[in-house]
Structures are given as C-alpha cells and as structure tokens.
Amino acid sequence: EFVSRLKQKIATLKIGDPSDETTQIGPM
C-alpha cells in the first residue's frame, strides 16, 4: 500500500522550470 500510494503521489508532481511557482520538480 505504501509503494502504491507513493507512486500515485509522485505521478502528480509537476516537472518544469524552477522559476515557475507551480513547479514541484526542477532540473538537477
């Protein structure tokens, strides 16, 4: 259940420009 929930959560993370206030994952 933990792995399933974690997978669902990270699937919703918004990836993009780090200067965009809505971004949750930026580049390394």
PDB file of all heavy atoms in Angstrom:
ATOM      1  N   GLU A   1       0.827  -1.208   0.000  1.00  0.00           N
ATOM      2  CA  GLU A   1       0.000   0.000   0.000  1.00  0.00           C
ATOM      3  C   GLU A   1       0.860   1.257   0.000  1.00  0.00           C
ATOM      4  O   GLU A   1       0.550   2.227  -0.700  1.00  0.00           O
ATOM      5  CB  GLU A   1      -0.941  -0.002   1.202  1.00  0.00           C
ATOM      6  CG  GLU A   1      -1.899   1.186   1.181  1.00  0.00           C
ATOM      7  CD  GLU A   1      -2.892   1.160   2.329  1.00  0.00           C
ATOM      8  OE1 GLU A   1      -2.857   0.204   3.136  1.00  0.00           O
ATOM      9  OE2 GLU A   1      -3.689   2.123   2.428  1.00  0.00           O
ATOM     10  N   PHE A   2       1.938   1.241   0.767  1.00  0.00           N
ATOM     11  CA  PHE A   2       2.813   2.420   0.807  1.00  0.00           C
ATOM     12  C   PHE A   2       3.397   2.700  -0.572  1.00  0.00           C
ATOM     13  O   PHE A   2       3.377   3.846  -1.048  1.00  0.00           O
ATOM     14  CB  PHE A   2       3.938   2.213   1.823  1.00  0.00           C
ATOM     15  CG  PHE A   2       4.850   3.398   1.973  1.00  0.00           C
ATOM     16  CD1 PHE A   2       4.590   4.379   2.913  1.00  0.00           C
ATOM     17  CD2 PHE A   2       5.963   3.558   1.157  1.00  0.00           C
ATOM     18  CE1 PHE A   2       5.425   5.481   3.039  1.00  0.00           C
ATOM     19  CE2 PHE A   2       6.801   4.649   1.267  1.00  0.00           C
ATOM     20  CZ  PHE A   2       6.522   5.618   2.219  1.00  0.00           C
ATOM     21  N   VAL A   3       3.917   1.673  -1.238  1.00  0.00           N
ATOM     22  CA  VAL A   3       4.522   1.870  -2.558  1.00  0.00           C
ATOM     23  C   VAL A   3       3.476   2.348  -3.554  1.00  0.00           C
ATOM     24  O   VAL A   3       3.734   3.251  -4.378  1.00  0.00           O
ATOM     25  CB  VAL A   3       5.196   0.575  -3.044  1.00  0.00           C
ATOM     26  CG1 VAL A   3       5.647   0.713  -4.497  1.00  0.00           C
ATOM     27  CG2 VAL A   3       6.389   0.233  -2.157  1.00  0.00           C
ATOM     28  N   SER A   4       2.282   1.785  -3.483  1.00  0.00           N
ATOM     29  CA  SER A   4       1.213   2.194  -4.396  1.00  0.00           C
ATOM     30  C   SER A   4       0.851   3.659  -4.196  1.00  0.00           C
ATOM     31  O   SER A   4       0.710   4.420  -5.170  1.00  0.00           O
ATOM     32  CB  SER A   4      -0.013   1.313  -4.181  1.00  0.00           C
ATOM     33  OG  SER A   4      -1.091   1.743  -4.983  1.00  0.00           O
ATOM     34  N   ARG A   5       0.712   4.055  -2.951  1.00  0.00           N
ATOM     35  CA  ARG A   5       0.372   5.454  -2.656  1.00  0.00           C
ATOM     36  C   ARG A   5       1.495   6.392  -3.064  1.00  0.00           C
ATOM     37  O   ARG A   5       1.247   7.487  -3.595  1.00  0.00           O
ATOM     38  CB  ARG A   5       0.064   5.618  -1.171  1.00  0.00           C
ATOM     39  CG  ARG A   5      -1.226   4.971  -0.704  1.00  0.00           C
ATOM     40  CD  ARG A   5      -1.543   5.522   0.674  1.00  0.00           C
ATOM     41  NE  ARG A   5      -2.648   4.835   1.324  1.00  0.00           N
ATOM     42  CZ  ARG A   5      -3.275   5.299   2.398  1.00  0.00           C
ATOM     43  NH1 ARG A   5      -2.869   6.456   2.948  1.00  0.00           N
ATOM     44  NH2 ARG A   5      -4.256   4.639   2.958  1.00  0.00           N
ATOM     45  N   LEU A   6       2.733   5.981  -2.796  1.00  0.00           N
ATOM     46  CA  LEU A   6       3.871   6.830  -3.161  1.00  0.00           C
ATOM     47  C   LEU A   6       3.933   7.006  -4.680  1.00  0.00           C
ATOM     48  O   LEU A   6       4.169   8.119  -5.175  1.00  0.00           O
ATOM     49  CB  LEU A   6       5.171   6.209  -2.640  1.00  0.00           C
ATOM     50  CG  LEU A   6       6.451   7.018  -2.863  1.00  0.00           C
ATOM     51  CD1 LEU A   6       6.377   8.369  -2.162  1.00  0.00           C
ATOM     52  CD2 LEU A   6       7.676   6.232  -2.381  1.00  0.00           C
ATOM     53  N   LYS A   7       3.693   5.938  -5.411  1.00  0.00           N
ATOM     54  CA  LYS A   7       3.691   6.027  -6.871  1.00  0.00           C
ATOM     55  C   LYS A   7       2.620   6.997  -7.358  1.00  0.00           C
ATOM     56  O   LYS A   7       2.868   7.827  -8.255  1.00  0.00           O
ATOM     57  CB  LYS A   7       3.448   4.642  -7.473  1.00  0.00           C
ATOM     58  CG  LYS A   7       3.407   4.623  -8.998  1.00  0.00           C
ATOM     59  CD  LYS A   7       3.123   3.223  -9.523  1.00  0.00           C
ATOM     60  CE  LYS A   7       3.020   3.226 -11.053  1.00  0.00           C
ATOM     61  NZ  LYS A   7       2.720   1.851 -11.578  1.00  0.00           N
ATOM     62  N   GLN A   8       1.433   6.920  -6.773  1.00  0.00           N
ATOM     63  CA  GLN A   8       0.349   7.824  -7.167  1.00  0.00           C
ATOM     64  C   GLN A   8       0.702   9.279  -6.886  1.00  0.00           C
ATOM     65  O   GLN A   8       0.416  10.174  -7.693  1.00  0.00           O
ATOM     66  CB  GLN A   8      -0.931   7.435  -6.421  1.00  0.00           C
ATOM     67  CG  GLN A   8      -1.528   6.109  -6.830  1.00  0.00           C
ATOM     68  CD  GLN A   8      -2.672   5.679  -5.914  1.00  0.00           C
ATOM     69  OE1 GLN A   8      -3.220   6.498  -5.178  1.00  0.00           O
ATOM     70  NE2 GLN A   8      -3.020   4.394  -5.954  1.00  0.00           N
ATOM     71  N   LYS A   9       1.328   9.521  -5.741  1.00  0.00           N
ATOM     72  CA  LYS A   9       1.679  10.898  -5.359  1.00  0.00           C
ATOM     73  C   LYS A   9       2.713  11.494  -6.306  1.00  0.00           C
ATOM     74  O   LYS A   9       2.568  12.636  -6.758  1.00  0.00           O
ATOM     75  CB  LYS A   9       2.209  10.921  -3.924  1.00  0.00           C
ATOM     76  CG  LYS A   9       1.158  10.757  -2.854  1.00  0.00           C
ATOM     77  CD  LYS A   9       0.419  12.064  -2.615  1.00  0.00           C
ATOM     78  CE  LYS A   9      -0.520  11.949  -1.430  1.00  0.00           C
ATOM     79  NZ  LYS A   9      -1.274  13.210  -1.197  1.00  0.00           N
ATOM     80  N   ILE A  10       3.753  10.748  -6.603  1.00  0.00           N
ATOM     81  CA  ILE A  10       4.814  11.349  -7.417  1.00  0.00           C
ATOM     82  C   ILE A  10       4.383  11.479  -8.871  1.00  0.00           C
ATOM     83  O   ILE A  10       4.935  12.303  -9.609  1.00  0.00           O
ATOM     84  CB  ILE A  10       6.153  10.590  -7.288  1.00  0.00           C
ATOM     85  CG1 ILE A  10       6.077   9.208  -7.889  1.00  0.00           C
ATOM     86  CG2 ILE A  10       6.597  10.540  -5.851  1.00  0.00           C
ATOM     87  CD1 ILE A  10       7.441   8.513  -7.919  1.00  0.00           C
ATOM     88  N   ALA A  11       3.374  10.704  -9.275  1.00  0.00           N
ATOM     89  CA  ALA A  11       2.865  10.846 -10.644  1.00  0.00           C
ATOM     90  C   ALA A  11       2.209  12.200 -10.859  1.00  0.00           C
ATOM     91  O   ALA A  11       2.090  12.664 -12.002  1.00  0.00           O
ATOM     92  CB  ALA A  11       1.867   9.731 -10.950  1.00  0.00           C
ATOM     93  N   THR A  12       1.800  12.844  -9.778  1.00  0.00           N
ATOM     94  CA  THR A  12       1.124  14.140  -9.900  1.00  0.00           C
ATOM     95  C   THR A  12       2.091  15.317  -9.801  1.00  0.00           C
ATOM     96  O   THR A  12       1.680  16.468  -9.965  1.00  0.00           O
ATOM     97  CB  THR A  12       0.047  14.291  -8.811  1.00  0.00           C
ATOM     98  OG1 THR A  12       0.681  14.367  -7.519  1.00  0.00           O
ATOM     99  CG2 THR A  12      -0.915  13.117  -8.831  1.00  0.00           C
ATOM    100  N   LEU A  13       3.362  15.051  -9.490  1.00  0.00           N
ATOM    101  CA  LEU A  13       4.322  16.142  -9.337  1.00  0.00           C
ATOM    102  C   LEU A  13       4.551  16.851 -10.668  1.00  0.00           C
ATOM    103  O   LEU A  13       4.797  16.217 -11.688  1.00  0.00           O
ATOM    104  CB  LEU A  13       5.649  15.612  -8.793  1.00  0.00           C
ATOM    105  CG  LEU A  13       5.621  15.008  -7.384  1.00  0.00           C
ATOM    106  CD1 LEU A  13       6.989  14.444  -7.027  1.00  0.00           C
ATOM    107  CD2 LEU A  13       5.188  16.046  -6.353  1.00  0.00           C
ATOM    108  N   LYS A  14       4.497  18.167 -10.625  1.00  0.00           N
ATOM    109  CA  LYS A  14       4.712  18.946 -11.848  1.00  0.00           C
ATOM    110  C   LYS A  14       6.202  19.189 -12.044  1.00  0.00           C
ATOM    111  O   LYS A  14       6.885  19.743 -11.180  1.00  0.00           O
ATOM    112  CB  LYS A  14       3.974  20.280 -11.779  1.00  0.00           C
ATOM    113  CG  LYS A  14       4.163  21.105 -13.046  1.00  0.00           C
ATOM    114  CD  LYS A  14       3.412  22.427 -13.000  1.00  0.00           C
ATOM    115  CE  LYS A  14       3.681  23.244 -14.260  1.00  0.00           C
ATOM    116  NZ  LYS A  14       3.002  24.555 -14.242  1.00  0.00           N
ATOM    117  N   ILE A  15       6.695  18.790 -13.188  1.00  0.00           N
ATOM    118  CA  ILE A  15       8.112  18.919 -13.526  1.00  0.00           C
ATOM    119  C   ILE A  15       8.276  20.099 -14.477  1.00  0.00           C
ATOM    120  O   ILE A  15       7.486  20.262 -15.415  1.00  0.00           O
ATOM    121  CB  ILE A  15       8.612  17.629 -14.194  1.00  0.00           C
ATOM    122  CG1 ILE A  15       8.395  16.439 -13.261  1.00  0.00           C
ATOM    123  CG2 ILE A  15      10.073  17.761 -14.588  1.00  0.00           C
ATOM    124  CD1 ILE A  15       8.582  15.096 -13.926  1.00  0.00           C
ATOM    125  N   GLY A  16       9.282  20.937 -14.235  1.00  0.00           N
ATOM    126  CA  GLY A  16       9.454  22.051 -15.159  1.00  0.00           C
ATOM    127  C   GLY A  16      10.443  23.095 -14.698  1.00  0.00           C
ATOM    128  O   GLY A  16      11.376  22.821 -13.929  1.00  0.00           O
ATOM    129  N   ASP A  17      10.218  24.309 -15.149  1.00  0.00           N
ATOM    130  CA  ASP A  17      11.078  25.461 -14.900  1.00  0.00           C
ATOM    131  C   ASP A  17      11.116  25.758 -13.396  1.00  0.00           C
ATOM    132  O   ASP A  17      10.070  25.969 -12.775  1.00  0.00           O
ATOM    133  CB  ASP A  17      10.509  26.664 -15.656  1.00  0.00           C
ATOM    134  CG  ASP A  17      11.350  27.916 -15.514  1.00  0.00           C
ATOM    135  OD1 ASP A  17      12.269  27.937 -14.669  1.00  0.00           O
ATOM    136  OD2 ASP A  17      11.069  28.890 -16.245  1.00  0.00           O
ATOM    137  N   PRO A  18      12.294  25.787 -12.776  1.00  0.00           N
ATOM    138  CA  PRO A  18      12.354  26.026 -11.334  1.00  0.00           C
ATOM    139  C   PRO A  18      11.878  27.413 -10.920  1.00  0.00           C
ATOM    140  O   PRO A  18      11.528  27.627  -9.749  1.00  0.00           O
ATOM    141  CB  PRO A  18      13.838  25.832 -10.994  1.00  0.00           C
ATOM    142  CG  PRO A  18      14.557  26.035 -12.284  1.00  0.00           C
ATOM    143  CD  PRO A  18      13.622  25.534 -13.346  1.00  0.00           C
ATOM    144  N   SER A  19      11.843  28.359 -11.840  1.00  0.00           N
ATOM    145  CA  SER A  19      11.356  29.702 -11.509  1.00  0.00           C
ATOM    146  C   SER A  19       9.836  29.805 -11.568  1.00  0.00           C
ATOM    147  O   SER A  19       9.258  30.799 -11.131  1.00  0.00           O
ATOM    148  CB  SER A  19      11.973  30.743 -12.445  1.00  0.00           C
ATOM    149  OG  SER A  19      11.575  30.511 -13.783  1.00  0.00           O
ATOM    150  N   ASP A  20       9.172  28.772 -12.085  1.00  0.00           N
ATOM    151  CA  ASP A  20       7.711  28.723 -12.131  1.00  0.00           C
ATOM    152  C   ASP A  20       7.209  28.310 -10.751  1.00  0.00           C
ATOM    153  O   ASP A  20       7.583  27.253 -10.229  1.00  0.00           O
ATOM    154  CB  ASP A  20       7.273  27.719 -13.198  1.00  0.00           C
ATOM    155  CG  ASP A  20       5.758  27.662 -13.378  1.00  0.00           C
ATOM    156  OD1 ASP A  20       5.013  28.021 -12.445  1.00  0.00           O
ATOM    157  OD2 ASP A  20       5.323  27.231 -14.456  1.00  0.00           O
ATOM    158  N   GLU A  21       6.339  29.111 -10.161  1.00  0.00           N
ATOM    159  CA  GLU A  21       5.878  28.862  -8.798  1.00  0.00           C
ATOM    160  C   GLU A  21       5.091  27.569  -8.664  1.00  0.00           C
ATOM    161  O   GLU A  21       4.914  27.048  -7.560  1.00  0.00           O
ATOM    162  CB  GLU A  21       5.024  30.039  -8.311  1.00  0.00           C
ATOM    163  CG  GLU A  21       5.797  31.326  -8.114  1.00  0.00           C
ATOM    164  CD  GLU A  21       6.892  31.199  -7.063  1.00  0.00           C
ATOM    165  OE1 GLU A  21       6.631  30.615  -5.997  1.00  0.00           O
ATOM    166  OE2 GLU A  21       8.020  31.675  -7.324  1.00  0.00           O
ATOM    167  N   THR A  22       4.587  27.039  -9.759  1.00  0.00           N
ATOM    168  CA  THR A  22       3.805  25.803  -9.685  1.00  0.00           C
ATOM    169  C   THR A  22       4.652  24.551  -9.868  1.00  0.00           C
ATOM    170  O   THR A  22       4.160  23.432  -9.681  1.00  0.00           O
ATOM    171  CB  THR A  22       2.687  25.813 -10.744  1.00  0.00           C
ATOM    172  OG1 THR A  22       3.272  25.813 -12.053  1.00  0.00           O
ATOM    173  CG2 THR A  22       1.790  27.033 -10.578  1.00  0.00           C
ATOM    174  N   THR A  23       5.913  24.712 -10.224  1.00  0.00           N
ATOM    175  CA  THR A  23       6.797  23.562 -10.430  1.00  0.00           C
ATOM    176  C   THR A  23       7.117  22.890  -9.098  1.00  0.00           C
ATOM    177  O   THR A  23       7.373  23.555  -8.092  1.00  0.00           O
ATOM    178  CB  THR A  23       8.094  23.998 -11.126  1.00  0.00           C
ATOM    179  OG1 THR A  23       7.786  24.484 -12.425  1.00  0.00           O
ATOM    180  CG2 THR A  23       9.066  22.842 -11.249  1.00  0.00           C
ATOM    181  N   GLN A  24       7.129  21.568  -9.104  1.00  0.00           N
ATOM    182  CA  GLN A  24       7.460  20.802  -7.901  1.00  0.00           C
ATOM    183  C   GLN A  24       8.759  20.013  -8.037  1.00  0.00           C
ATOM    184  O   GLN A  24       9.375  19.670  -7.039  1.00  0.00           O
ATOM    185  CB  GLN A  24       6.306  19.846  -7.571  1.00  0.00           C
ATOM    186  CG  GLN A  24       5.024  20.579  -7.192  1.00  0.00           C
ATOM    187  CD  GLN A  24       3.835  19.653  -7.148  1.00  0.00           C
ATOM    188  OE1 GLN A  24       3.387  19.155  -8.183  1.00  0.00           O
ATOM    189  NE2 GLN A  24       3.307  19.414  -5.956  1.00  0.00           N
ATOM    190  N   ILE A  25       9.156  19.716  -9.265  1.00  0.00           N
ATOM    191  CA  ILE A  25      10.432  19.050  -9.527  1.00  0.00           C
ATOM    192  C   ILE A  25      11.143  19.827 -10.626  1.00  0.00           C
ATOM    193  O   ILE A  25      10.642  19.936 -11.750  1.00  0.00           O
ATOM    194  CB  ILE A  25      10.248  17.594  -9.978  1.00  0.00           C
ATOM    195  CG1 ILE A  25       9.667  16.744  -8.849  1.00  0.00           C
ATOM    196  CG2 ILE A  25      11.571  17.005 -10.460  1.00  0.00           C
ATOM    197  CD1 ILE A  25      10.653  16.365  -7.778  1.00  0.00           C
ATOM    198  N   GLY A  26      12.302  20.364 -10.306  1.00  0.00           N
ATOM    199  CA  GLY A  26      13.097  21.075 -11.292  1.00  0.00           C
ATOM    200  C   GLY A  26      14.227  20.199 -11.798  1.00  0.00           C
ATOM    201  O   GLY A  26      14.293  19.000 -11.504  1.00  0.00           O
ATOM    202  N   PRO A  27      15.152  20.771 -12.548  1.00  0.00           N
ATOM    203  CA  PRO A  27      16.290  20.011 -13.044  1.00  0.00           C
ATOM    204  C   PRO A  27      17.309  19.765 -11.944  1.00  0.00           C
ATOM    205  O   PRO A  27      17.315  20.446 -10.911  1.00  0.00           O
ATOM    206  CB  PRO A  27      16.867  20.926 -14.131  1.00  0.00           C
ATOM    207  CG  PRO A  27      16.488  22.312 -13.694  1.00  0.00           C
ATOM    208  CD  PRO A  27      15.148  22.177 -13.023  1.00  0.00           C
ATOM    209  N   MET A  28      18.152  18.787 -12.164  1.00  0.00           N
ATOM    210  CA  MET A  28      19.292  18.573 -11.275  1.00  0.00           C
ATOM    211  C   MET A  28      20.330  19.657 -11.547  1.00  0.00           C
ATOM    212  O   MET A  28      20.262  20.378 -12.543  1.00  0.00           O
ATOM    213  CB  MET A  28      19.859  17.172 -11.472  1.00  0.00           C
ATOM    214  CG  MET A  28      18.895  16.070 -11.046  1.00  0.00           C
ATOM    215  SD  MET A  28      19.608  14.402 -11.165  1.00  0.00           S
ATOM    216  CE  MET A  28      20.897  14.460  -9.893  1.00  0.00           C
TER     217      MET A  28
END
